[in-house]
Amino acid sequence: MEKPRVFANPIDKKINNVQDLFRSDKDSRSKNPIDVNKKINEIFASRNHVYKSKVKITLQDKVVEKEIVGKTNLNLLTLDGDLIRITDIVDIERL
């Protein structure tokens, strides 16, 4: 069986596709979202959580202290009626 013929275009110039510099912004790094979800689940599974838990939430632009009462797939529900997107949370800890 004969192999098909393929045209290979000749390379006449020097190829320079190597990256010389990598720059990272320190603020762009955040904790792994799996870790944040794990912390949230631990707060709700805690023996101290009956109806609400007072937490300190570090968001991308500020730090807030809220009392959380529930959770959906995308948001945390607070006692004040606020919704906090889980994807915006950098860190969460129980007070």
N, C-alpha and C. Protein backbone atom coordinates (compact mmCIF):
# COMPACT_ATOMS: atom_id res chain seq x y z
N MET A 1 0.85 -1.18 0.00
CA MET A 1 0.00 0.00 0.00
C MET A 1 0.89 1.24 0.00
N GLU A 2 0.60 2.14 -0.88
CA GLU A 2 1.40 3.35 -1.02
C GLU A 2 0.85 4.46 -0.12
N LYS A 3 1.75 5.16 0.57
CA LYS A 3 1.33 6.25 1.44
C LYS A 3 1.00 7.48 0.60
N PRO A 4 0.03 8.28 1.07
CA PRO A 4 -0.31 9.48 0.30
C PRO A 4 0.81 10.50 0.35
N ARG A 5 0.94 11.26 -0.70
CA ARG A 5 1.97 12.30 -0.76
C ARG A 5 1.42 13.56 -0.09
N VAL A 6 2.27 14.17 0.73
CA VAL A 6 1.89 15.38 1.46
C VAL A 6 2.88 16.47 1.11
N PHE A 7 2.37 17.66 0.84
CA PHE A 7 3.26 18.79 0.54
C PHE A 7 3.73 19.40 1.84
N ALA A 8 5.02 19.50 2.01
CA ALA A 8 5.62 20.14 3.18
C ALA A 8 6.19 21.48 2.73
N ASN A 9 5.63 22.55 3.23
CA ASN A 9 6.07 23.89 2.87
C ASN A 9 7.46 24.13 3.46
N PRO A 10 8.41 24.56 2.67
CA PRO A 10 9.76 24.81 3.22
C PRO A 10 9.77 26.03 4.13
N ILE A 11 10.56 25.96 5.19
CA ILE A 11 10.68 27.07 6.14
C ILE A 11 11.91 27.87 5.76
N ASP A 12 11.68 29.15 5.33
CA ASP A 12 12.76 30.00 4.84
C ASP A 12 13.23 31.01 5.87
N LYS A 13 12.57 31.09 7.01
CA LYS A 13 12.94 32.11 7.99
C LYS A 13 13.20 31.46 9.34
N LYS A 14 13.82 32.23 10.23
CA LYS A 14 14.12 31.75 11.58
C LYS A 14 12.83 31.83 12.42
N ILE A 15 12.51 30.79 13.14
CA ILE A 15 11.32 30.77 13.98
C ILE A 15 11.73 31.11 15.40
N ASN A 16 11.07 32.11 15.97
CA ASN A 16 11.37 32.55 17.33
C ASN A 16 10.06 32.58 18.11
N ASN A 17 9.65 31.44 18.61
CA ASN A 17 8.41 31.37 19.36
C ASN A 17 8.65 30.93 20.80
N VAL A 18 9.81 31.25 21.33
CA VAL A 18 10.15 30.91 22.70
C VAL A 18 9.85 32.12 23.59
N GLN A 19 9.17 31.88 24.69
CA GLN A 19 8.82 32.96 25.61
C GLN A 19 10.02 33.24 26.51
N ASP A 20 10.49 34.49 26.50
CA ASP A 20 11.66 34.87 27.28
C ASP A 20 11.30 35.36 28.67
N LEU A 21 10.12 35.95 28.83
CA LEU A 21 9.76 36.62 30.07
C LEU A 21 8.36 36.21 30.49
N PHE A 22 8.22 35.93 31.77
CA PHE A 22 6.90 35.64 32.34
C PHE A 22 6.68 36.58 33.51
N ARG A 23 5.58 37.28 33.52
CA ARG A 23 5.28 38.21 34.59
C ARG A 23 3.96 37.82 35.22
N SER A 24 3.95 37.79 36.54
CA SER A 24 2.74 37.43 37.25
C SER A 24 2.41 38.54 38.24
N ASP A 25 1.13 38.85 38.34
CA ASP A 25 0.68 39.85 39.29
C ASP A 25 0.35 39.14 40.59
N LYS A 26 0.86 39.63 41.70
CA LYS A 26 0.68 38.96 42.98
C LYS A 26 -0.79 38.89 43.37
N ASP A 27 -1.58 39.92 43.06
CA ASP A 27 -2.98 39.95 43.43
C ASP A 27 -3.83 39.00 42.59
N SER A 28 -3.33 38.61 41.43
CA SER A 28 -4.13 37.74 40.57
C SER A 28 -4.18 36.32 41.10
N ARG A 29 -3.23 35.95 41.97
CA ARG A 29 -3.25 34.61 42.53
C ARG A 29 -4.28 34.55 43.65
N SER A 30 -5.06 33.54 43.66
CA SER A 30 -6.03 33.35 44.72
C SER A 30 -5.99 31.90 45.16
N LYS A 31 -6.64 31.61 46.24
CA LYS A 31 -6.66 30.24 46.72
C LYS A 31 -7.46 29.38 45.75
N ASN A 32 -7.20 28.14 45.82
CA ASN A 32 -7.89 27.19 44.98
C ASN A 32 -9.39 27.19 45.34
N PRO A 33 -10.29 27.28 44.35
CA PRO A 33 -11.72 27.29 44.68
C PRO A 33 -12.18 26.02 45.39
N ILE A 34 -11.47 24.93 45.17
CA ILE A 34 -11.83 23.69 45.86
C ILE A 34 -11.59 23.84 47.36
N ASP A 35 -10.51 24.54 47.73
CA ASP A 35 -10.22 24.77 49.14
C ASP A 35 -11.30 25.64 49.79
N VAL A 36 -11.78 26.66 49.06
CA VAL A 36 -12.81 27.54 49.59
C VAL A 36 -14.10 26.75 49.79
N ASN A 37 -14.47 25.93 48.81
CA ASN A 37 -15.67 25.11 48.95
C ASN A 37 -15.53 24.12 50.11
N LYS A 38 -14.35 23.58 50.29
CA LYS A 38 -14.11 22.65 51.38
C LYS A 38 -14.28 23.36 52.72
N LYS A 39 -13.76 24.59 52.83
CA LYS A 39 -13.91 25.35 54.07
C LYS A 39 -15.37 25.68 54.35
N ILE A 40 -16.10 26.04 53.31
CA ILE A 40 -17.52 26.36 53.47
C ILE A 40 -18.28 25.12 53.93
N ASN A 41 -18.01 23.99 53.32
CA ASN A 41 -18.69 22.75 53.72
C ASN A 41 -18.33 22.36 55.15
N GLU A 42 -17.09 22.60 55.57
CA GLU A 42 -16.69 22.30 56.94
C GLU A 42 -17.43 23.20 57.94
N ILE A 43 -17.65 24.46 57.57
CA ILE A 43 -18.39 25.37 58.45
C ILE A 43 -19.82 24.88 58.64
N PHE A 44 -20.49 24.49 57.55
CA PHE A 44 -21.87 24.03 57.64
C PHE A 44 -21.97 22.66 58.30
N ALA A 45 -20.94 21.83 58.22
CA ALA A 45 -20.97 20.51 58.83
C ALA A 45 -20.50 20.53 60.29
N SER A 46 -20.06 21.68 60.76
CA SER A 46 -19.55 21.79 62.12
C SER A 46 -20.66 21.55 63.14
N ARG A 47 -20.27 21.04 64.30
CA ARG A 47 -21.25 20.83 65.37
C ARG A 47 -21.73 22.15 65.95
N ASN A 48 -20.95 23.22 65.76
CA ASN A 48 -21.31 24.53 66.28
C ASN A 48 -22.30 25.27 65.38
N HIS A 49 -22.49 24.80 64.16
CA HIS A 49 -23.42 25.45 63.23
C HIS A 49 -24.80 24.83 63.42
N VAL A 50 -25.70 25.62 64.01
CA VAL A 50 -27.08 25.15 64.18
C VAL A 50 -27.97 25.81 63.14
N TYR A 51 -27.97 27.15 63.13
CA TYR A 51 -28.77 27.88 62.16
C TYR A 51 -27.92 28.87 61.38
N LYS A 52 -26.98 29.49 62.08
CA LYS A 52 -26.14 30.51 61.46
C LYS A 52 -24.73 30.40 62.02
N SER A 53 -23.79 30.91 61.24
CA SER A 53 -22.40 30.95 61.67
C SER A 53 -21.83 32.30 61.31
N LYS A 54 -21.14 32.92 62.26
CA LYS A 54 -20.50 34.20 62.00
C LYS A 54 -19.13 33.92 61.39
N VAL A 55 -18.88 34.50 60.20
CA VAL A 55 -17.65 34.24 59.47
C VAL A 55 -17.01 35.55 58.99
N LYS A 56 -15.73 35.47 58.76
CA LYS A 56 -14.99 36.57 58.14
C LYS A 56 -14.66 36.13 56.73
N ILE A 57 -15.19 36.87 55.75
CA ILE A 57 -15.05 36.51 54.35
C ILE A 57 -14.11 37.50 53.68
N THR A 58 -13.04 36.99 53.10
CA THR A 58 -12.12 37.82 52.34
C THR A 58 -12.50 37.71 50.88
N LEU A 59 -13.00 38.83 50.34
CA LEU A 59 -13.37 38.88 48.94
C LEU A 59 -12.19 39.42 48.14
N GLN A 60 -12.35 39.54 46.84
CA GLN A 60 -11.26 40.01 46.00
C GLN A 60 -10.91 41.46 46.28
N ASP A 61 -11.87 42.26 46.76
CA ASP A 61 -11.61 43.68 46.96
C ASP A 61 -11.81 44.16 48.40
N LYS A 62 -12.38 43.34 49.29
CA LYS A 62 -12.63 43.78 50.67
C LYS A 62 -12.79 42.58 51.59
N VAL A 63 -12.86 42.87 52.88
CA VAL A 63 -13.08 41.85 53.91
C VAL A 63 -14.36 42.22 54.64
N VAL A 64 -15.27 41.25 54.78
CA VAL A 64 -16.54 41.50 55.45
C VAL A 64 -16.78 40.42 56.50
N GLU A 65 -17.52 40.81 57.54
CA GLU A 65 -17.95 39.86 58.56
C GLU A 65 -19.46 39.71 58.43
N LYS A 66 -19.90 38.49 58.20
CA LYS A 66 -21.32 38.21 57.97
C LYS A 66 -21.73 36.98 58.75
N GLU A 67 -23.04 36.83 58.93
CA GLU A 67 -23.61 35.62 59.49
C GLU A 67 -24.26 34.86 58.35
N ILE A 68 -23.69 33.70 58.03
CA ILE A 68 -24.20 32.92 56.92
C ILE A 68 -25.20 31.89 57.43
N VAL A 69 -26.26 31.70 56.64
CA VAL A 69 -27.32 30.78 57.06
C VAL A 69 -27.55 29.66 56.05
N GLY A 70 -27.05 29.81 54.84
CA GLY A 70 -27.28 28.79 53.84
C GLY A 70 -26.35 28.92 52.67
N LYS A 71 -26.47 27.96 51.76
CA LYS A 71 -25.58 27.91 50.61
C LYS A 71 -26.31 27.32 49.42
N THR A 72 -26.07 27.90 48.24
CA THR A 72 -26.51 27.30 46.99
C THR A 72 -25.25 26.89 46.23
N ASN A 73 -25.41 26.44 45.00
CA ASN A 73 -24.23 26.06 44.22
C ASN A 73 -23.35 27.25 43.89
N LEU A 74 -23.94 28.44 43.78
CA LEU A 74 -23.19 29.62 43.36
C LEU A 74 -23.00 30.65 44.45
N ASN A 75 -23.87 30.70 45.46
CA ASN A 75 -23.88 31.79 46.42
C ASN A 75 -23.94 31.30 47.86
N LEU A 76 -23.48 32.19 48.76
CA LEU A 76 -23.72 32.01 50.19
C LEU A 76 -24.86 32.93 50.57
N LEU A 77 -25.75 32.47 51.41
CA LEU A 77 -26.89 33.26 51.86
C LEU A 77 -26.58 33.79 53.25
N THR A 78 -26.81 35.09 53.46
CA THR A 78 -26.53 35.68 54.75
C THR A 78 -27.82 35.98 55.49
N LEU A 79 -27.70 36.24 56.79
CA LEU A 79 -28.85 36.56 57.61
C LEU A 79 -29.49 37.88 57.18
N ASP A 80 -28.69 38.78 56.61
CA ASP A 80 -29.19 40.08 56.13
C ASP A 80 -29.94 39.98 54.81
N GLY A 81 -29.91 38.81 54.18
CA GLY A 81 -30.57 38.65 52.89
C GLY A 81 -29.64 38.90 51.72
N ASP A 82 -28.33 39.05 51.98
CA ASP A 82 -27.37 39.28 50.91
C ASP A 82 -26.97 37.95 50.28
N LEU A 83 -26.56 38.02 49.03
CA LEU A 83 -25.98 36.88 48.33
C LEU A 83 -24.52 37.19 48.06
N ILE A 84 -23.63 36.29 48.43
CA ILE A 84 -22.21 36.45 48.19
C ILE A 84 -21.78 35.34 47.25
N ARG A 85 -21.28 35.71 46.07
CA ARG A 85 -20.85 34.71 45.09
C ARG A 85 -19.64 33.94 45.62
N ILE A 86 -19.69 32.64 45.55
CA ILE A 86 -18.60 31.79 46.04
C ILE A 86 -17.35 31.99 45.19
N THR A 87 -17.51 32.30 43.92
CA THR A 87 -16.35 32.51 43.05
C THR A 87 -15.59 33.78 43.41
N ASP A 88 -16.24 34.73 44.09
CA ASP A 88 -15.57 35.97 44.50
C ASP A 88 -14.82 35.81 45.81
N ILE A 89 -15.03 34.71 46.52
CA ILE A 89 -14.41 34.51 47.83
C ILE A 89 -12.98 34.00 47.67
N VAL A 90 -12.05 34.71 48.32
CA VAL A 90 -10.66 34.29 48.32
C VAL A 90 -10.38 33.40 49.52
N ASP A 91 -10.95 33.78 50.70
CA ASP A 91 -10.76 33.01 51.91
C ASP A 91 -11.97 33.21 52.82
N ILE A 92 -12.25 32.22 53.64
CA ILE A 92 -13.34 32.31 54.60
C ILE A 92 -12.90 31.60 55.88
N GLU A 93 -13.23 32.22 57.01
CA GLU A 93 -12.90 31.59 58.28
C GLU A 93 -13.99 31.90 59.30
N ARG A 94 -14.21 30.96 60.20
CA ARG A 94 -15.24 31.08 61.22
C ARG A 94 -14.74 31.94 62.36
N LEU A 95 -15.59 32.81 62.88
CA LEU A 95 -15.22 33.65 64.03
C LEU A 95 -15.73 33.06 65.32
